[in-house]
Amino acid sequence: MKYLICYDICHPKRLTSVAKELEKMGIRVQYSFFNVEMSSEMLETLIKRLVAQIDTKEDKIYVYPLCSECRKKVIIDGTGTMLDLQTYKIL
């Protein structure tokens, strides 16, 4: 499944930590927006790791599922394009 993950982190150290974690898992499309593709189990693990790094009273993390039907309805203006992540299996 594809997801758009974005965040609003108040403290620079926590922000850097969350960004580095997401850079390992997906493609940065804006400063605090990442496209990722992973199973629901992997997503659950990622969310647990991210929540452990933030202050839940000050910071926010949003995870938006992007089903194939939803992706068809995305409106893009300007020079933007919808990224299509390729899924690979390592054997």
PDB file of N, CA and C in Angstrom:
ATOM      1  N   MET A   1       0.849  -1.173   0.000  1.00  0.00           N
ATOM      2  CA  MET A   1       0.000   0.000   0.000  1.00  0.00           C
ATOM      3  C   MET A   1       0.891   1.231   0.000  1.00  0.00           C
ATOM      4  N   LYS A   2       0.430   2.272  -0.642  1.00  0.00           N
ATOM      5  CA  LYS A   2       1.165   3.535  -0.680  1.00  0.00           C
ATOM      6  C   LYS A   2       0.568   4.491   0.343  1.00  0.00           C
ATOM      7  N   TYR A   3       1.448   5.286   0.959  1.00  0.00           N
ATOM      8  CA  TYR A   3       1.026   6.241   1.978  1.00  0.00           C
ATOM      9  C   TYR A   3       1.738   7.565   1.773  1.00  0.00           C
ATOM     10  N   LEU A   4       1.077   8.631   2.170  1.00  0.00           N
ATOM     11  CA  LEU A   4       1.700   9.934   2.289  1.00  0.00           C
ATOM     12  C   LEU A   4       1.855  10.183   3.787  1.00  0.00           C
ATOM     13  N   ILE A   5       3.078  10.374   4.221  1.00  0.00           N
ATOM     14  CA  ILE A   5       3.356  10.639   5.633  1.00  0.00           C
ATOM     15  C   ILE A   5       3.906  12.051   5.747  1.00  0.00           C
ATOM     16  N   CYS A   6       3.315  12.828   6.621  1.00  0.00           N
ATOM     17  CA  CYS A   6       3.808  14.187   6.838  1.00  0.00           C
ATOM     18  C   CYS A   6       3.849  14.458   8.334  1.00  0.00           C
ATOM     19  N   TYR A   7       4.589  15.492   8.692  1.00  0.00           N
ATOM     20  CA  TYR A   7       4.773  15.766  10.109  1.00  0.00           C
ATOM     21  C   TYR A   7       4.897  17.250  10.368  1.00  0.00           C
ATOM     22  N   ASP A   8       4.654  17.608  11.614  1.00  0.00           N
ATOM     23  CA  ASP A   8       4.863  18.959  12.132  1.00  0.00           C
ATOM     24  C   ASP A   8       5.561  18.758  13.472  1.00  0.00           C
ATOM     25  N   ILE A   9       6.865  18.916  13.473  1.00  0.00           N
ATOM     26  CA  ILE A   9       7.694  18.651  14.646  1.00  0.00           C
ATOM     27  C   ILE A   9       8.256  19.973  15.154  1.00  0.00           C
ATOM     28  N   CYS A  10       8.106  20.243  16.435  1.00  0.00           N
ATOM     29  CA  CYS A  10       8.498  21.533  17.009  1.00  0.00           C
ATOM     30  C   CYS A  10       9.991  21.669  17.287  1.00  0.00           C
ATOM     31  N   HIS A  11      10.644  20.632  17.749  1.00  0.00           N
ATOM     32  CA  HIS A  11      12.042  20.726  18.165  1.00  0.00           C
ATOM     33  C   HIS A  11      12.969  20.227  17.049  1.00  0.00           C
ATOM     34  N   PRO A  12      14.008  20.994  16.693  1.00  0.00           N
ATOM     35  CA  PRO A  12      14.883  20.608  15.584  1.00  0.00           C
ATOM     36  C   PRO A  12      15.510  19.213  15.712  1.00  0.00           C
ATOM     37  N   LYS A  13      15.885  18.805  16.907  1.00  0.00           N
ATOM     38  CA  LYS A  13      16.499  17.488  17.084  1.00  0.00           C
ATOM     39  C   LYS A  13      15.501  16.372  16.774  1.00  0.00           C
ATOM     40  N   ARG A  14      14.279  16.516  17.257  1.00  0.00           N
ATOM     41  CA  ARG A  14      13.241  15.508  16.972  1.00  0.00           C
ATOM     42  C   ARG A  14      12.882  15.532  15.490  1.00  0.00           C
ATOM     43  N   LEU A  15      12.815  16.715  14.917  1.00  0.00           N
ATOM     44  CA  LEU A  15      12.493  16.849  13.492  1.00  0.00           C
ATOM     45  C   LEU A  15      13.529  16.111  12.647  1.00  0.00           C
ATOM     46  N   THR A  16      14.798  16.317  12.939  1.00  0.00           N
ATOM     47  CA  THR A  16      15.864  15.654  12.192  1.00  0.00           C
ATOM     48  C   THR A  16      15.779  14.147  12.343  1.00  0.00           C
ATOM     49  N   SER A  17      15.498  13.684  13.538  1.00  0.00           N
ATOM     50  CA  SER A  17      15.399  12.254  13.807  1.00  0.00           C
ATOM     51  C   SER A  17      14.270  11.617  13.001  1.00  0.00           C
ATOM     52  N   VAL A  18      13.106  12.249  12.990  1.00  0.00           N
ATOM     53  CA  VAL A  18      11.956  11.736  12.234  1.00  0.00           C
ATOM     54  C   VAL A  18      12.250  11.771  10.738  1.00  0.00           C
ATOM     55  N   ALA A  19      12.824  12.860  10.253  1.00  0.00           N
ATOM     56  CA  ALA A  19      13.139  12.981   8.825  1.00  0.00           C
ATOM     57  C   ALA A  19      14.106  11.885   8.382  1.00  0.00           C
ATOM     58  N   LYS A  20      15.140  11.623   9.174  1.00  0.00           N
ATOM     59  CA  LYS A  20      16.109  10.583   8.814  1.00  0.00           C
ATOM     60  C   LYS A  20      15.451   9.213   8.763  1.00  0.00           C
ATOM     61  N   GLU A  21      14.553   8.952   9.692  1.00  0.00           N
ATOM     62  CA  GLU A  21      13.839   7.669   9.703  1.00  0.00           C
ATOM     63  C   GLU A  21      12.996   7.523   8.434  1.00  0.00           C
ATOM     64  N   LEU A  22      12.299   8.593   8.047  1.00  0.00           N
ATOM     65  CA  LEU A  22      11.446   8.524   6.864  1.00  0.00           C
ATOM     66  C   LEU A  22      12.260   8.486   5.571  1.00  0.00           C
ATOM     67  N   GLU A  23      13.426   9.111   5.555  1.00  0.00           N
ATOM     68  CA  GLU A  23      14.283   9.070   4.368  1.00  0.00           C
ATOM     69  C   GLU A  23      14.746   7.644   4.066  1.00  0.00           C
ATOM     70  N   LYS A  24      14.839   6.805   5.088  1.00  0.00           N
ATOM     71  CA  LYS A  24      15.210   5.403   4.897  1.00  0.00           C
ATOM     72  C   LYS A  24      14.088   4.611   4.239  1.00  0.00           C
ATOM     73  N   MET A  25      12.849   5.072   4.411  1.00  0.00           N
ATOM     74  CA  MET A  25      11.687   4.271   4.026  1.00  0.00           C
ATOM     75  C   MET A  25      10.955   4.762   2.783  1.00  0.00           C
ATOM     76  N   GLY A  26      11.181   6.020   2.378  1.00  0.00           N
ATOM     77  CA  GLY A  26      10.399   6.548   1.277  1.00  0.00           C
ATOM     78  C   GLY A  26      11.094   7.665   0.541  1.00  0.00           C
ATOM     79  N   ILE A  27      10.309   8.371  -0.246  1.00  0.00           N
ATOM     80  CA  ILE A  27      10.803   9.459  -1.077  1.00  0.00           C
ATOM     81  C   ILE A  27      10.242  10.775  -0.555  1.00  0.00           C
ATOM     82  N   ARG A  28      11.145  11.724  -0.302  1.00  0.00           N
ATOM     83  CA  ARG A  28      10.715  13.044   0.168  1.00  0.00           C
ATOM     84  C   ARG A  28      10.127  13.797  -1.034  1.00  0.00           C
ATOM     85  N   VAL A  29       8.877  14.270  -0.880  1.00  0.00           N
ATOM     86  CA  VAL A  29       8.234  15.016  -1.955  1.00  0.00           C
ATOM     87  C   VAL A  29       8.119  16.508  -1.629  1.00  0.00           C
ATOM     88  N   GLN A  30       8.213  16.846  -0.379  1.00  0.00           N
ATOM     89  CA  GLN A  30       8.262  18.212   0.116  1.00  0.00           C
ATOM     90  C   GLN A  30       9.091  18.165   1.384  1.00  0.00           C
ATOM     91  N   TYR A  31       9.311  19.289   2.017  1.00  0.00           N
ATOM     92  CA  TYR A  31      10.181  19.320   3.185  1.00  0.00           C
ATOM     93  C   TYR A  31       9.732  18.318   4.256  1.00  0.00           C
ATOM     94  N   SER A  32       8.456  18.264   4.559  1.00  0.00           N
ATOM     95  CA  SER A  32       7.984  17.355   5.611  1.00  0.00           C
ATOM     96  C   SER A  32       6.940  16.362   5.097  1.00  0.00           C
ATOM     97  N   PHE A  33       6.998  16.034   3.808  1.00  0.00           N
ATOM     98  CA  PHE A  33       6.076  15.074   3.202  1.00  0.00           C
ATOM     99  C   PHE A  33       6.869  13.968   2.514  1.00  0.00           C
ATOM    100  N   PHE A  34       6.466  12.725   2.805  1.00  0.00           N
ATOM    101  CA  PHE A  34       7.149  11.572   2.230  1.00  0.00           C
ATOM    102  C   PHE A  34       6.141  10.615   1.622  1.00  0.00           C
ATOM    103  N   ASN A  35       6.460  10.078   0.442  1.00  0.00           N
ATOM    104  CA  ASN A  35       5.708   8.974  -0.142  1.00  0.00           C
ATOM    105  C   ASN A  35       6.407   7.694   0.262  1.00  0.00           C
ATOM    106  N   VAL A  36       5.655   6.750   0.804  1.00  0.00           N
ATOM    107  CA  VAL A  36       6.221   5.451   1.160  1.00  0.00           C
ATOM    108  C   VAL A  36       5.298   4.356   0.644  1.00  0.00           C
ATOM    109  N   GLU A  37       5.884   3.214   0.387  1.00  0.00           N
ATOM    110  CA  GLU A  37       5.098   2.044   0.010  1.00  0.00           C
ATOM    111  C   GLU A  37       5.547   0.899   0.884  1.00  0.00           C
ATOM    112  N   MET A  38       4.599   0.324   1.622  1.00  0.00           N
ATOM    113  CA  MET A  38       4.932  -0.752   2.540  1.00  0.00           C
ATOM    114  C   MET A  38       3.672  -1.486   2.963  1.00  0.00           C
ATOM    115  N   SER A  39       3.874  -2.630   3.561  1.00  0.00           N
ATOM    116  CA  SER A  39       2.756  -3.410   4.080  1.00  0.00           C
ATOM    117  C   SER A  39       2.213  -2.738   5.342  1.00  0.00           C
ATOM    118  N   SER A  40       1.026  -3.152   5.741  1.00  0.00           N
ATOM    119  CA  SER A  40       0.432  -2.573   6.951  1.00  0.00           C
ATOM    120  C   SER A  40       1.260  -2.920   8.188  1.00  0.00           C
ATOM    121  N   GLU A  41       1.885  -4.103   8.192  1.00  0.00           N
ATOM    122  CA  GLU A  41       2.742  -4.481   9.319  1.00  0.00           C
ATOM    123  C   GLU A  41       3.975  -3.579   9.397  1.00  0.00           C
ATOM    124  N   MET A  42       4.586  -3.306   8.235  1.00  0.00           N
ATOM    125  CA  MET A  42       5.752  -2.418   8.211  1.00  0.00           C
ATOM    126  C   MET A  42       5.363  -1.008   8.637  1.00  0.00           C
ATOM    127  N   LEU A  43       4.184  -0.556   8.186  1.00  0.00           N
ATOM    128  CA  LEU A  43       3.716   0.770   8.559  1.00  0.00           C
ATOM    129  C   LEU A  43       3.513   0.862  10.068  1.00  0.00           C
ATOM    130  N   GLU A  44       2.928  -0.154  10.656  1.00  0.00           N
ATOM    131  CA  GLU A  44       2.702  -0.166  12.101  1.00  0.00           C
ATOM    132  C   GLU A  44       4.031  -0.056  12.859  1.00  0.00           C
ATOM    133  N   THR A  45       5.028  -0.774  12.392  1.00  0.00           N
ATOM    134  CA  THR A  45       6.361  -0.707  13.009  1.00  0.00           C
ATOM    135  C   THR A  45       6.962   0.685  12.841  1.00  0.00           C
ATOM    136  N   LEU A  46       6.837   1.243  11.656  1.00  0.00           N
ATOM    137  CA  LEU A  46       7.369   2.587  11.402  1.00  0.00           C
ATOM    138  C   LEU A  46       6.695   3.616  12.298  1.00  0.00           C
ATOM    139  N   ILE A  47       5.386   3.552  12.413  1.00  0.00           N
ATOM    140  CA  ILE A  47       4.662   4.511  13.253  1.00  0.00           C
ATOM    141  C   ILE A  47       5.114   4.404  14.707  1.00  0.00           C
ATOM    142  N   LYS A  48       5.308   3.201  15.194  1.00  0.00           N
ATOM    143  CA  LYS A  48       5.797   3.021  16.571  1.00  0.00           C
ATOM    144  C   LYS A  48       7.161   3.669  16.749  1.00  0.00           C
ATOM    145  N   ARG A  49       8.058   3.494  15.760  1.00  0.00           N
ATOM    146  CA  ARG A  49       9.393   4.102  15.851  1.00  0.00           C
ATOM    147  C   ARG A  49       9.304   5.626  15.817  1.00  0.00           C
ATOM    148  N   LEU A  50       8.422   6.161  14.971  1.00  0.00           N
ATOM    149  CA  LEU A  50       8.288   7.620  14.879  1.00  0.00           C
ATOM    150  C   LEU A  50       7.696   8.201  16.160  1.00  0.00           C
ATOM    151  N   VAL A  51       6.652   7.575  16.675  1.00  0.00           N
ATOM    152  CA  VAL A  51       6.002   8.066  17.897  1.00  0.00           C
ATOM    153  C   VAL A  51       6.974   8.043  19.071  1.00  0.00           C
ATOM    154  N   ALA A  52       7.883   7.075  19.086  1.00  0.00           N
ATOM    155  CA  ALA A  52       8.876   7.004  20.160  1.00  0.00           C
ATOM    156  C   ALA A  52       9.864   8.172  20.102  1.00  0.00           C
ATOM    157  N   GLN A  53       9.973   8.830  18.949  1.00  0.00           N
ATOM    158  CA  GLN A  53      10.935   9.913  18.774  1.00  0.00           C
ATOM    159  C   GLN A  53      10.341  11.302  18.969  1.00  0.00           C
ATOM    160  N   ILE A  54       9.027  11.402  19.076  1.00  0.00           N
ATOM    161  CA  ILE A  54       8.395  12.723  19.152  1.00  0.00           C
ATOM    162  C   ILE A  54       7.834  12.997  20.542  1.00  0.00           C
ATOM    163  N   ASP A  55       7.446  14.225  20.742  1.00  0.00           N
ATOM    164  CA  ASP A  55       6.701  14.624  21.941  1.00  0.00           C
ATOM    165  C   ASP A  55       5.242  14.702  21.502  1.00  0.00           C
ATOM    166  N   THR A  56       4.431  13.760  21.919  1.00  0.00           N
ATOM    167  CA  THR A  56       3.047  13.686  21.441  1.00  0.00           C
ATOM    168  C   THR A  56       2.177  14.848  21.909  1.00  0.00           C
ATOM    169  N   LYS A  57       2.680  15.662  22.832  1.00  0.00           N
ATOM    170  CA  LYS A  57       1.933  16.843  23.267  1.00  0.00           C
ATOM    171  C   LYS A  57       2.223  18.052  22.382  1.00  0.00           C
ATOM    172  N   GLU A  58       3.332  18.012  21.646  1.00  0.00           N
ATOM    173  CA  GLU A  58       3.725  19.143  20.797  1.00  0.00           C
ATOM    174  C   GLU A  58       3.766  18.812  19.309  1.00  0.00           C
ATOM    175  N   ASP A  59       4.106  17.587  18.971  1.00  0.00           N
ATOM    176  CA  ASP A  59       4.368  17.209  17.583  1.00  0.00           C
ATOM    177  C   ASP A  59       3.205  16.433  16.986  1.00  0.00           C
ATOM    178  N   LYS A  60       3.188  16.397  15.654  1.00  0.00           N
ATOM    179  CA  LYS A  60       2.133  15.667  14.944  1.00  0.00           C
ATOM    180  C   LYS A  60       2.736  14.870  13.798  1.00  0.00           C
ATOM    181  N   ILE A  61       2.206  13.672  13.587  1.00  0.00           N
ATOM    182  CA  ILE A  61       2.543  12.855  12.427  1.00  0.00           C
ATOM    183  C   ILE A  61       1.228  12.423  11.796  1.00  0.00           C
ATOM    184  N   TYR A  62       1.126  12.613  10.484  1.00  0.00           N
ATOM    185  CA  TYR A  62      -0.082  12.244   9.749  1.00  0.00           C
ATOM    186  C   TYR A  62       0.278  11.157   8.742  1.00  0.00           C
ATOM    187  N   VAL A  63      -0.554  10.126   8.655  1.00  0.00           N
ATOM    188  CA  VAL A  63      -0.359   9.051   7.689  1.00  0.00           C
ATOM    189  C   VAL A  63      -1.638   8.941   6.867  1.00  0.00           C
ATOM    190  N   TYR A  64      -1.517   9.197   5.563  1.00  0.00           N
ATOM    191  CA  TYR A  64      -2.661   9.140   4.666  1.00  0.00           C
ATOM    192  C   TYR A  64      -2.492   7.962   3.713  1.00  0.00           C
ATOM    193  N   PRO A  65      -3.398   6.985   3.742  1.00  0.00           N
ATOM    194  CA  PRO A  65      -3.311   5.900   2.765  1.00  0.00           C
ATOM    195  C   PRO A  65      -3.672   6.428   1.377  1.00  0.00           C
ATOM    196  N   LEU A  66      -2.972   5.940   0.371  1.00  0.00           N
ATOM    197  CA  LEU A  66      -3.214   6.364  -1.013  1.00  0.00           C
ATOM    198  C   LEU A  66      -3.572   5.138  -1.844  1.00  0.00           C
ATOM    199  N   CYS A  67      -4.833   4.728  -1.771  1.00  0.00           N
ATOM    200  CA  CYS A  67      -5.269   3.580  -2.558  1.00  0.00           C
ATOM    201  C   CYS A  67      -5.221   3.947  -4.042  1.00  0.00           C
ATOM    202  N   SER A  68      -5.262   2.946  -4.895  1.00  0.00           N
ATOM    203  CA  SER A  68      -5.149   3.206  -6.334  1.00  0.00           C
ATOM    204  C   SER A  68      -6.297   4.086  -6.836  1.00  0.00           C
ATOM    205  N   GLU A  69      -7.490   3.906  -6.300  1.00  0.00           N
ATOM    206  CA  GLU A  69      -8.620   4.747  -6.718  1.00  0.00           C
ATOM    207  C   GLU A  69      -8.430   6.192  -6.247  1.00  0.00           C
ATOM    208  N   CYS A  70      -7.912   6.356  -5.032  1.00  0.00           N
ATOM    209  CA  CYS A  70      -7.659   7.703  -4.511  1.00  0.00           C
ATOM    210  C   CYS A  70      -6.585   8.407  -5.331  1.00  0.00           C
ATOM    211  N   ARG A  71      -5.556   7.677  -5.742  1.00  0.00           N
ATOM    212  CA  ARG A  71      -4.467   8.269  -6.525  1.00  0.00           C
ATOM    213  C   ARG A  71      -4.981   8.797  -7.855  1.00  0.00           C
ATOM    214  N   LYS A  72      -6.006   8.158  -8.418  1.00  0.00           N
ATOM    215  CA  LYS A  72      -6.577   8.616  -9.688  1.00  0.00           C
ATOM    216  C   LYS A  72      -7.285   9.953  -9.534  1.00  0.00           C
ATOM    217  N   LYS A  73      -7.690  10.295  -8.314  1.00  0.00           N
ATOM    218  CA  LYS A  73      -8.450  11.521  -8.062  1.00  0.00           C
ATOM    219  C   LYS A  73      -7.570  12.689  -7.618  1.00  0.00           C
ATOM    220  N   VAL A  74      -6.275  12.470  -7.508  1.00  0.00           N
ATOM    221  CA  VAL A  74      -5.368  13.528  -7.060  1.00  0.00           C
ATOM    222  C   VAL A  74      -5.346  14.651  -8.097  1.00  0.00           C
ATOM    223  N   ILE A  75      -5.443  15.874  -7.622  1.00  0.00           N
ATOM    224  CA  ILE A  75      -5.374  17.054  -8.485  1.00  0.00           C
ATOM    225  C   ILE A  75      -3.988  17.666  -8.316  1.00  0.00           C
ATOM    226  N   ILE A  76      -3.293  17.825  -9.435  1.00  0.00           N
ATOM    227  CA  ILE A  76      -1.945  18.378  -9.401  1.00  0.00           C
ATOM    228  C   ILE A  76      -1.905  19.588 -10.324  1.00  0.00           C
ATOM    229  N   ASP A  77      -1.493  20.719  -9.777  1.00  0.00           N
ATOM    230  CA  ASP A  77      -1.311  21.934 -10.574  1.00  0.00           C
ATOM    231  C   ASP A  77       0.167  22.267 -10.625  1.00  0.00           C
ATOM    232  N   GLY A  78       0.543  23.070 -11.579  1.00  0.00           N
ATOM    233  CA  GLY A  78       1.937  23.489 -11.666  1.00  0.00           C
ATOM    234  C   GLY A  78       2.805  22.388 -12.242  1.00  0.00           C
ATOM    235  N   THR A  79       4.018  22.294 -11.744  1.00  0.00           N
ATOM    236  CA  THR A  79       4.983  21.353 -12.300  1.00  0.00           C
ATOM    237  C   THR A  79       5.012  20.024 -11.561  1.00  0.00           C
ATOM    238  N   GLY A  80       4.138  19.850 -10.597  1.00  0.00           N
ATOM    239  CA  GLY A  80       4.149  18.619  -9.803  1.00  0.00           C
ATOM    240  C   GLY A  80       3.671  17.416 -10.584  1.00  0.00           C
ATOM    241  N   THR A  81       4.130  16.260 -10.175  1.00  0.00           N
ATOM    242  CA  THR A  81       3.654  14.991 -10.724  1.00  0.00           C
ATOM    243  C   THR A  81       3.453  14.023  -9.566  1.00  0.00           C
ATOM    244  N   MET A  82       2.576  13.075  -9.755  1.00  0.00           N
ATOM    245  CA  MET A  82       2.354  12.048  -8.742  1.00  0.00           C
ATOM    246  C   MET A  82       3.444  11.015  -8.900  1.00  0.00           C
ATOM    247  N   LEU A  83       4.223  10.817  -7.860  1.00  0.00           N
ATOM    248  CA  LEU A  83       5.302   9.840  -7.925  1.00  0.00           C
ATOM    249  C   LEU A  83       4.736   8.444  -7.892  1.00  0.00           C
ATOM    250  N   ASP A  84       5.288   7.576  -8.720  1.00  0.00           N
ATOM    251  CA  ASP A  84       4.884   6.187  -8.728  1.00  0.00           C
ATOM    252  C   ASP A  84       6.073   5.377  -8.203  1.00  0.00           C
ATOM    253  N   LEU A  85       5.966   4.941  -6.974  1.00  0.00           N
ATOM    254  CA  LEU A  85       7.036   4.171  -6.369  1.00  0.00           C
ATOM    255  C   LEU A  85       7.034   2.757  -6.917  1.00  0.00           C
ATOM    256  N   GLN A  86       8.200   2.244  -7.180  1.00  0.00           N
ATOM    257  CA  GLN A  86       8.332   0.884  -7.667  1.00  0.00           C
ATOM    258  C   GLN A  86       8.584  -0.041  -6.487  1.00  0.00           C
ATOM    259  N   THR A  87       7.894  -1.146  -6.471  1.00  0.00           N
ATOM    260  CA  THR A  87       8.063  -2.123  -5.410  1.00  0.00           C
ATOM    261  C   THR A  87       9.008  -3.218  -5.895  1.00  0.00           C
ATOM    262  N   TYR A  88       9.977  -3.547  -5.056  1.00  0.00           N
ATOM    263  CA  TYR A  88      10.929  -4.589  -5.399  1.00  0.00           C
ATOM    264  C   TYR A  88      10.964  -5.613  -4.277  1.00  0.00           C
ATOM    265  N   LYS A  89      11.197  -6.835  -4.646  1.00  0.00           N
ATOM    266  CA  LYS A  89      11.394  -7.888  -3.651  1.00  0.00           C
ATOM    267  C   LYS A  89      12.834  -8.353  -3.760  1.00  0.00           C
ATOM    268  N   ILE A  90      13.500  -8.433  -2.650  1.00  0.00           N
ATOM    269  CA  ILE A  90      14.870  -8.920  -2.629  1.00  0.00           C
ATOM    270  C   ILE A  90      14.832 -10.383  -2.219  1.00  0.00           C
ATOM    271  N   LEU A  91      15.358 -11.214  -3.062  1.00  0.00           N
ATOM    272  CA  LEU A  91      15.347 -12.673  -2.816  1.00  0.00           C
ATOM    273  C   LEU A  91      16.689 -13.128  -2.286  1.00  0.00           C
TER     274      LEU A  91
END
